[in-house]
Each structure stands twice: as structure tokens, then as C-alpha cells.
């Protein structure tokens, strides 16, 4: 993995964000005058397999049990997956499926959250992205695995039609296993869809 670079986001986003990309990535960070809302412009080279976001879990993310709300986690997952997808395809993409989401352990308010998204399979216009959420107390070193899921995005052209995306070619054994995992999930999804269609009929 590459060196990590911090970016300052507007207050409407989380205040502490780190984006981890390869050495080929280019970043342009611009901040406005201190009397204005901070702005950021970021240019990222395409065809990166992985992207990592880091930020603090805020009090606004709390649920009735005092932990981070599951809906907030799902929003973060979609944002991380979207960033990974558009970086890979070089254009707009939409979420078409979120599957196999597992909430393994709760996230506590004030924890440092790390979301790791990576391409694990591509179709002609689709991108299958594995997203894992980790968290830890800022003063500690070890992360806890909180959530996992696979999201499928489809790249669209300016007319809103699906367009071709670059092929993902596994380069090591781990990536090959991840791609097989994505393919198995596709087969299971087909069976689930058949059952759901039969229930509606």
C-alpha cells in the first residue's frame, strides 16, 4: 500500500479523513481563506484497486443504544464503494446491489473509523466492490472489524446508459480468491431472486 495523505473536508463531511491510494495517485488539496468554508479539490489517477477512508465517528451518528447507527454505517459503505467505483471506471456510477452485509461488532462514538473498499470483480459495465469497516479508539493501535459487505456498481455514460469498464485482472492468490467469492455471491443472488419472484407471483 502507498503512503497515506490527509485531506480537510467541509464541516458537512467528517473532519478527519485520510485517503489511501497508490504511489501513482495525484492529489491536489486546496483550502480557501480561513473566513470561508474550507474547500477541497482532489484529482486521483484512475485504475486504483483499493481506496481507504478514515474519519471520526461523531455524536450525530448515535443510535438509541449509544452506539453508531446502522444507517450511518451503510451510508459510509456506499460512499466508500462509490469513490472506489468511479475511480476505477473514470466516470459516474450507480449502486445496483448491496449484498451479504454483516454487522459484526458495534462502532462507538469518538472511535476512529477506517473503511477499506476494493475492486474484486468486474463485468462488462459492473464493478463488484468489497467494503470492510474497522474502528478503534484513536489512542490505540489495533482495529476491530465491524462490518463487511459487497456492493455492485454500474458505470453510466452521459445519457444514463451502462458503459464498459476496465477489466479487473487478479494479480495474486488473494485477489483470485476474492474474485471467486464475488462470483459465488452472484450465483447465490440468482437463486434468491428466483425465490423472491416466485413469492410475488
Protein backbone atom coordinates (compact mmCIF):
# COMPACT_ATOMS: atom_id res chain seq x y z
CA UNK A 1 0.00 0.00 0.00
CA UNK A 2 1.02 3.57 -0.54
CA UNK A 3 1.77 6.36 1.84
CA UNK A 4 -1.34 7.97 3.32
CA UNK A 5 -2.31 11.55 2.74
CA UNK A 6 -4.68 13.60 4.91
CA UNK A 7 -7.36 15.85 3.42
CA UNK A 8 -9.51 18.56 5.02
CA UNK A 9 -13.20 18.28 4.16
CA UNK A 10 -16.01 20.83 4.66
CA UNK A 11 -17.87 20.61 8.00
CA UNK A 12 -20.73 18.78 6.28
CA UNK A 13 -18.36 15.83 6.00
CA UNK A 14 -16.27 14.26 8.73
CA UNK A 15 -13.42 16.46 9.85
CA UNK A 16 -10.71 13.82 9.83
CA UNK A 17 -10.39 11.92 6.56
CA UNK A 18 -7.48 10.03 5.11
CA UNK A 19 -7.46 8.60 1.62
CA UNK A 20 -5.00 5.77 0.95
CA UNK A 21 -4.07 5.18 -2.69
CA UNK A 22 -1.04 4.07 -4.68
CA UNK A 23 2.15 5.97 -5.36
CA UNK A 24 0.80 6.83 -8.81
CA UNK A 25 -2.11 8.76 -7.33
CA UNK A 26 -2.02 12.52 -7.65
CA UNK A 27 -3.67 14.76 -5.11
CA UNK A 28 -4.41 18.45 -5.28
CA UNK A 29 -5.67 19.86 -1.99
CA UNK A 30 -6.85 23.45 -1.88
CA UNK A 31 -8.17 25.31 1.16
CA UNK A 32 -9.99 28.63 0.93
CA UNK A 33 -9.31 31.63 3.17
CA UNK A 34 -9.98 30.99 6.85
CA UNK A 35 -13.11 33.16 6.75
CA UNK A 36 -14.74 30.87 4.21
CA UNK A 37 -15.88 27.25 4.26
CA UNK A 38 -12.84 25.05 3.53
CA UNK A 39 -12.89 23.55 0.06
CA UNK A 40 -11.03 20.58 -1.32
CA UNK A 41 -10.22 19.59 -4.86
CA UNK A 42 -8.79 16.13 -5.31
CA UNK A 43 -7.52 14.56 -8.53
CA UNK A 44 -6.92 10.82 -8.45
CA UNK A 45 -5.39 8.74 -11.22
CA UNK A 46 -7.75 6.05 -12.44
CA UNK A 47 -7.44 2.27 -12.19
CA UNK A 48 -6.74 2.02 -8.46
CA UNK A 49 -7.91 -1.27 -6.97
CA UNK A 50 -8.25 -0.04 -3.40
CA UNK A 51 -9.28 3.06 -1.52
CA UNK A 52 -9.34 3.73 2.22
CA UNK A 53 -11.29 6.40 4.11
CA UNK A 54 -10.64 7.40 7.72
CA UNK A 55 -12.69 9.67 9.97
CA UNK A 56 -14.05 10.02 13.49
CA UNK A 57 -17.48 8.64 14.45
CA UNK A 58 -19.41 11.74 15.52
CA UNK A 59 -22.19 12.24 18.12
CA UNK A 60 -24.65 12.86 15.27
CA UNK A 61 -24.18 9.20 14.23
CA UNK A 62 -25.55 7.83 17.53
CA UNK A 63 -28.44 5.36 17.85
CA UNK A 64 -30.78 4.73 20.79
CA UNK A 65 -28.28 2.29 22.27
CA UNK A 66 -25.47 4.83 22.37
CA UNK A 67 -23.51 3.29 19.50
CA UNK A 68 -23.16 4.32 15.84
CA UNK A 69 -26.43 3.90 13.95
CA UNK A 70 -26.50 1.10 11.38
CA UNK A 71 -27.90 3.50 8.81
CA UNK A 72 -24.85 5.74 9.22
CA UNK A 73 -22.56 2.76 8.63
CA UNK A 74 -24.48 1.83 5.47
CA UNK A 75 -24.13 5.41 4.22
CA UNK A 76 -20.36 5.31 4.78
CA UNK A 77 -20.13 1.97 3.00
CA UNK A 78 -21.99 3.34 -0.03
CA UNK A 79 -19.78 6.44 -0.15
CA UNK A 80 -16.57 4.41 0.06
CA UNK A 81 -17.81 1.99 -2.57
CA UNK A 82 -18.85 4.84 -4.86
CA UNK A 83 -15.44 6.52 -4.56
CA UNK A 84 -13.71 3.24 -5.42
CA UNK A 85 -16.05 2.58 -8.35
CA UNK A 86 -15.77 5.98 -10.04
CA UNK A 87 -12.01 5.94 -9.51
CA UNK A 88 -11.85 2.61 -11.33
CA UNK A 89 -14.16 3.44 -14.23
CA UNK A 90 -13.31 7.14 -14.55
CA UNK A 91 -16.90 8.38 -14.54
CA UNK A 92 -20.31 8.26 -12.92
CA UNK A 93 -21.62 5.01 -11.44
CA UNK A 94 -24.73 3.96 -9.53
CA UNK A 95 -25.36 1.39 -6.83
CA UNK A 96 -27.42 -1.54 -8.12
CA UNK A 97 -26.97 -4.08 -5.34
CA UNK A 98 -25.76 -4.30 -1.75
CA UNK A 99 -25.42 -7.86 -0.53
CA UNK A 100 -24.16 -10.00 2.29
CA UNK A 101 -23.89 -7.11 4.74
CA UNK A 102 -22.67 -8.29 8.12
CA UNK A 103 -22.71 -6.12 11.24
CA UNK A 104 -20.06 -7.90 13.27
CA UNK A 105 -19.43 -5.51 16.16
CA UNK A 106 -20.75 -2.05 17.13
CA UNK A 107 -18.84 1.16 16.50
CA UNK A 108 -18.50 3.56 19.42
CA UNK A 109 -18.87 7.33 19.18
CA UNK A 110 -15.47 9.00 19.07
CA UNK A 111 -13.76 5.98 17.54
CA UNK A 112 -11.51 6.33 14.51
CA UNK A 113 -13.28 4.58 11.64
CA UNK A 114 -11.43 3.09 8.67
CA UNK A 115 -13.35 1.92 5.59
CA UNK A 116 -11.45 -0.19 3.08
CA UNK A 117 -13.02 -0.66 -0.34
CA UNK A 118 -11.52 -2.67 -3.18
CA UNK A 119 -12.45 -3.99 -6.60
CA UNK A 120 -12.84 -7.78 -6.56
CA UNK A 121 -14.65 -8.47 -9.86
CA UNK A 122 -15.87 -6.67 -12.97
CA UNK A 123 -18.44 -7.44 -15.64
CA UNK A 124 -18.89 -5.53 -18.89
CA UNK A 125 -20.30 -2.48 -17.07
CA UNK A 126 -20.43 -3.62 -13.45
CA UNK A 127 -17.92 -3.36 -10.62
CA UNK A 128 -18.11 -5.63 -7.57
CA UNK A 129 -16.56 -3.91 -4.57
CA UNK A 130 -15.75 -5.46 -1.22
CA UNK A 131 -16.14 -3.00 1.63
CA UNK A 132 -14.90 -3.60 5.18
CA UNK A 133 -15.38 -1.25 8.12
CA UNK A 134 -12.93 -1.18 11.01
CA UNK A 135 -12.72 1.03 14.08
CA UNK A 136 -10.57 1.68 17.13
CA UNK A 137 -10.02 4.16 19.90
CA UNK A 138 -7.77 6.91 18.46
CA UNK A 139 -5.11 6.26 21.11
CA UNK A 140 -4.89 2.53 20.35
CA UNK A 141 -3.15 0.66 17.53
CA UNK A 142 -5.37 -2.35 16.85
CA UNK A 143 -8.51 -2.07 14.71
CA UNK A 144 -11.71 -4.08 15.27
CA UNK A 145 -13.54 -5.49 12.23
CA UNK A 146 -17.08 -4.08 12.45
CA UNK A 147 -18.85 -4.59 9.14
CA UNK A 148 -18.46 -6.34 5.78
CA UNK A 149 -20.44 -6.32 2.55
CA UNK A 150 -20.14 -6.42 -1.23
CA UNK A 151 -21.61 -3.63 -3.35
CA UNK A 152 -22.19 -3.73 -7.10
CA UNK A 153 -21.99 -0.51 -9.10
CA UNK A 154 -22.76 0.01 -12.78
CA UNK A 155 -20.94 2.67 -14.80
CA UNK A 156 -23.19 5.01 -16.79
CA UNK A 157 -22.50 7.30 -19.72
CA UNK A 158 -23.81 10.85 -20.10
CA UNK A 159 -27.12 9.52 -21.41
CA UNK A 160 -27.58 7.27 -18.39
CA UNK A 161 -26.83 4.06 -20.28
CA UNK A 162 -24.45 1.35 -19.00
CA UNK A 163 -20.95 1.66 -20.41
CA UNK A 164 -17.93 -0.62 -20.44
CA UNK A 165 -15.47 -0.58 -17.56
CA UNK A 166 -11.82 -1.70 -17.45
CA UNK A 167 -11.39 -5.40 -16.67
CA UNK A 168 -10.21 -6.35 -13.21
CA UNK A 169 -7.49 -9.00 -13.55
CA UNK A 170 -6.40 -10.63 -10.26
CA UNK A 171 -2.66 -10.31 -9.78
CA UNK A 172 -2.17 -12.61 -6.78
CA UNK A 173 -3.76 -15.54 -4.97
CA UNK A 174 -5.66 -13.33 -2.54
CA UNK A 175 -7.28 -11.38 -5.38
CA UNK A 176 -8.16 -14.61 -7.18
CA UNK A 177 -9.94 -15.89 -4.04
CA UNK A 178 -11.78 -12.59 -3.68
CA UNK A 179 -12.98 -12.75 -7.27
CA UNK A 180 -14.23 -16.31 -6.79
CA UNK A 181 -16.06 -15.09 -3.70
CA UNK A 182 -17.78 -12.40 -5.78
CA UNK A 183 -18.76 -14.96 -8.43
CA UNK A 184 -20.21 -17.31 -5.81
CA UNK A 185 -22.26 -14.44 -4.38
CA UNK A 186 -23.63 -13.75 -7.87
CA UNK A 187 -24.83 -17.34 -8.18
CA UNK A 188 -26.46 -17.22 -4.75
CA UNK A 189 -28.12 -13.93 -5.66
CA UNK A 190 -29.70 -15.51 -8.72
CA UNK A 191 -31.24 -18.24 -6.56
CA UNK A 192 -32.55 -15.67 -4.09
CA UNK A 193 -34.08 -13.63 -6.91
CA UNK A 194 -35.88 -16.71 -8.24
CA UNK A 195 -37.39 -17.32 -4.80
CA UNK A 196 -38.45 -13.70 -4.41
CA UNK A 197 -40.03 -13.63 -7.88
CA UNK A 198 -41.91 -16.85 -7.11
CA UNK A 199 -43.24 -15.36 -3.86
CA UNK A 200 -44.61 -12.32 -5.69
CA UNK A 201 -46.34 -14.39 -8.38
